[in-house]
Protein backbone atom coordinates (compact mmCIF):
# COMPACT_ATOMS: atom_id res chain seq x y z
CA MET A 1 0.00 0.00 0.00
CA LYS A 2 2.84 2.37 0.89
CA LYS A 3 4.50 1.78 -2.51
CA ILE A 4 1.26 2.60 -4.35
CA VAL A 5 0.84 5.89 -2.48
CA ILE A 6 4.47 6.88 -3.07
CA SER A 7 4.25 5.93 -6.76
CA THR A 8 1.05 7.94 -7.16
CA LEU A 9 2.52 11.02 -5.47
CA LEU A 10 5.69 10.75 -7.54
CA GLY A 11 3.60 10.48 -10.71
CA LEU A 12 1.61 13.58 -9.76
CA VAL A 13 4.73 15.59 -9.00
CA LEU A 14 6.39 14.60 -12.28
CA GLY A 15 3.16 15.20 -14.18
CA MET A 16 2.88 18.74 -12.78
CA SER A 17 6.41 19.77 -13.83
CA PRO A 18 5.51 20.79 -17.40
CA ILE A 19 2.54 22.80 -16.16
CA ILE A 20 4.67 24.66 -13.64
CA ALA A 21 7.37 25.28 -16.25
CA GLN A 22 4.86 26.76 -18.71
CA ASN A 23 3.61 29.22 -16.12
CA SER A 24 7.10 30.40 -15.17
CA ARG A 25 7.58 32.51 -18.32
CA PRO A 26 6.75 36.22 -18.03
CA GLN A 27 3.43 37.20 -19.54
CA LYS A 28 2.72 40.43 -21.42
CA GLY A 29 2.34 43.25 -18.98
CA SER A 30 4.01 41.31 -16.17
CA ARG A 31 7.05 42.60 -14.39
CA GLY A 32 9.23 39.94 -16.04
CA ALA A 33 8.14 41.01 -19.52
CA GLU A 34 9.07 44.61 -18.71
CA ASN A 35 12.49 43.53 -17.50
CA HIS A 36 13.01 41.66 -20.76
CA SER A 37 12.28 44.85 -22.69
CA GLY A 38 14.78 46.71 -20.51
CA ASP A 39 17.37 44.04 -21.24
CA ARG A 40 16.72 44.46 -24.95
CA VAL A 41 17.32 48.22 -24.70
CA THR A 42 20.52 47.66 -22.69
CA ARG A 43 21.89 45.09 -25.16
CA ARG A 44 21.08 47.29 -28.14
CA LEU A 45 22.60 50.36 -26.48
CA GLU A 46 25.82 48.48 -25.69
CA MET A 47 26.04 47.24 -29.27
CA LEU A 48 25.54 50.76 -30.66
CA LYS A 49 27.97 52.25 -28.15
CA LYS A 50 30.65 49.78 -29.22
CA ASP A 51 29.98 49.80 -32.98
CA LEU A 52 29.55 53.57 -33.32
CA ALA A 53 31.97 54.78 -30.61
CA LEU A 54 29.28 56.92 -28.97
CA THR A 55 30.24 59.76 -26.65
CA ASP A 56 28.74 59.85 -23.15
CA ASP A 57 26.30 62.55 -24.26
CA GLN A 58 25.27 60.54 -27.32
CA THR A 59 24.90 57.39 -25.21
CA ALA A 60 22.44 59.11 -22.86
CA LYS A 61 20.40 60.48 -25.77
CA VAL A 62 20.41 57.16 -27.64
CA LYS A 63 19.33 55.33 -24.48
CA SER A 64 16.38 57.68 -24.08
CA ALA A 65 15.41 57.20 -27.74
CA LEU A 66 15.66 53.41 -27.46
CA GLU A 67 13.55 53.37 -24.29
CA THR A 68 10.84 55.48 -25.95
CA HIS A 69 10.93 53.18 -28.99
CA GLN A 70 10.67 50.07 -26.83
CA GLN A 71 7.71 51.49 -24.89
CA LYS A 72 5.88 52.10 -28.16
CA MET A 73 6.70 48.60 -29.37
CA ASP A 74 5.53 47.05 -26.09
CA SER A 75 2.27 48.99 -26.16
CA GLY A 76 1.60 47.77 -29.70
CA LYS A 77 2.04 44.09 -28.88
CA SER A 78 -1.55 43.97 -27.73
CA SER A 79 -2.83 45.41 -31.03
CA SER A 80 -5.84 43.60 -32.34
CA SER A 81 -4.52 42.96 -35.83
CA GLU A 82 -1.23 42.25 -37.52
CA SER A 83 -1.65 45.24 -39.85
CA ASP A 84 -2.09 47.54 -36.81
CA TRP A 85 1.07 46.08 -35.30
CA LYS A 86 3.05 46.54 -38.54
CA THR A 87 1.88 50.14 -38.87
CA LEU A 88 2.81 50.92 -35.27
CA ARG A 89 6.18 49.20 -35.68
CA ASP A 90 6.95 51.04 -38.91
CA ASN A 91 6.00 54.39 -37.38
CA ALA A 92 8.06 53.72 -34.23
CA ASP A 93 11.04 52.61 -36.33
CA ALA A 94 10.81 55.72 -38.52
CA GLU A 95 10.63 57.97 -35.46
CA LEU A 96 13.65 56.24 -33.91
CA ASP A 97 15.55 56.61 -37.17
CA THR A 98 14.80 60.35 -37.30
CA THR A 99 15.82 60.79 -33.67
CA LEU A 100 19.09 58.89 -34.14
CA LYS A 101 19.88 60.89 -37.26
CA GLY A 102 19.77 64.02 -35.09
CA ILE A 103 22.01 62.49 -32.40
CA LEU A 104 24.67 60.72 -34.47
CA ASN A 105 27.24 62.33 -36.72
CA GLU A 106 27.20 61.53 -40.43
CA ASP A 107 29.74 58.68 -40.21
CA GLN A 108 28.01 57.09 -37.22
CA TYR A 109 24.61 57.32 -38.87
CA SER A 110 25.84 55.67 -42.07
CA LYS A 111 27.39 52.83 -40.02
CA TYR A 112 24.12 52.50 -38.11
CA LYS A 113 22.09 52.23 -41.34
CA ALA A 114 24.54 49.69 -42.79
CA LYS A 115 24.33 47.56 -39.63
CA GLN A 116 20.54 47.84 -39.68
CA ALA A 117 20.43 46.63 -43.30
CA VAL A 118 22.62 43.64 -42.47
CA MET A 119 20.41 42.72 -39.51
CA LYS A 120 17.24 43.04 -41.58
CA ASN A 121 18.69 40.79 -44.29
CA HIS A 122 19.87 38.32 -41.65
CA LYS A 123 16.32 38.07 -40.30
CA GLY A 124 14.99 37.43 -43.75
CA GLY A 125 13.40 40.81 -44.24
CA GLU A 126 9.94 41.46 -42.86
CA GLY A 127 8.94 40.59 -39.31
CA ARG A 128 10.62 39.10 -36.29
CA GLY A 129 12.81 36.10 -37.03
CA LYS A 130 11.11 35.23 -40.32
């Protein structure tokens, strides 16, 4: 009898593991999802700082621009349709591009655009990871 109870409990515990694991990922709007967005901004800022040799003043301005861009992108993730999301993304990207053009010097901006083109081609063009 003891072995049956232990086996049953062990089966329940092992059976619950996938359910618990699925619920451990951050959901949209949760604190974990916000931290992920912050990590994305930090990683992108560090890459730009290194690739473009940003000054301290430029770094602060670029960080602000990236944070604003990320907030717009995060707010659009709950859009009802894919076309709404694409429009919001395109508008946010264009606004970021305009802002960065005003922050970076001509050489930095051309390097930024070249890097952006490479990344877009690497992703396969349109969309995330397609």
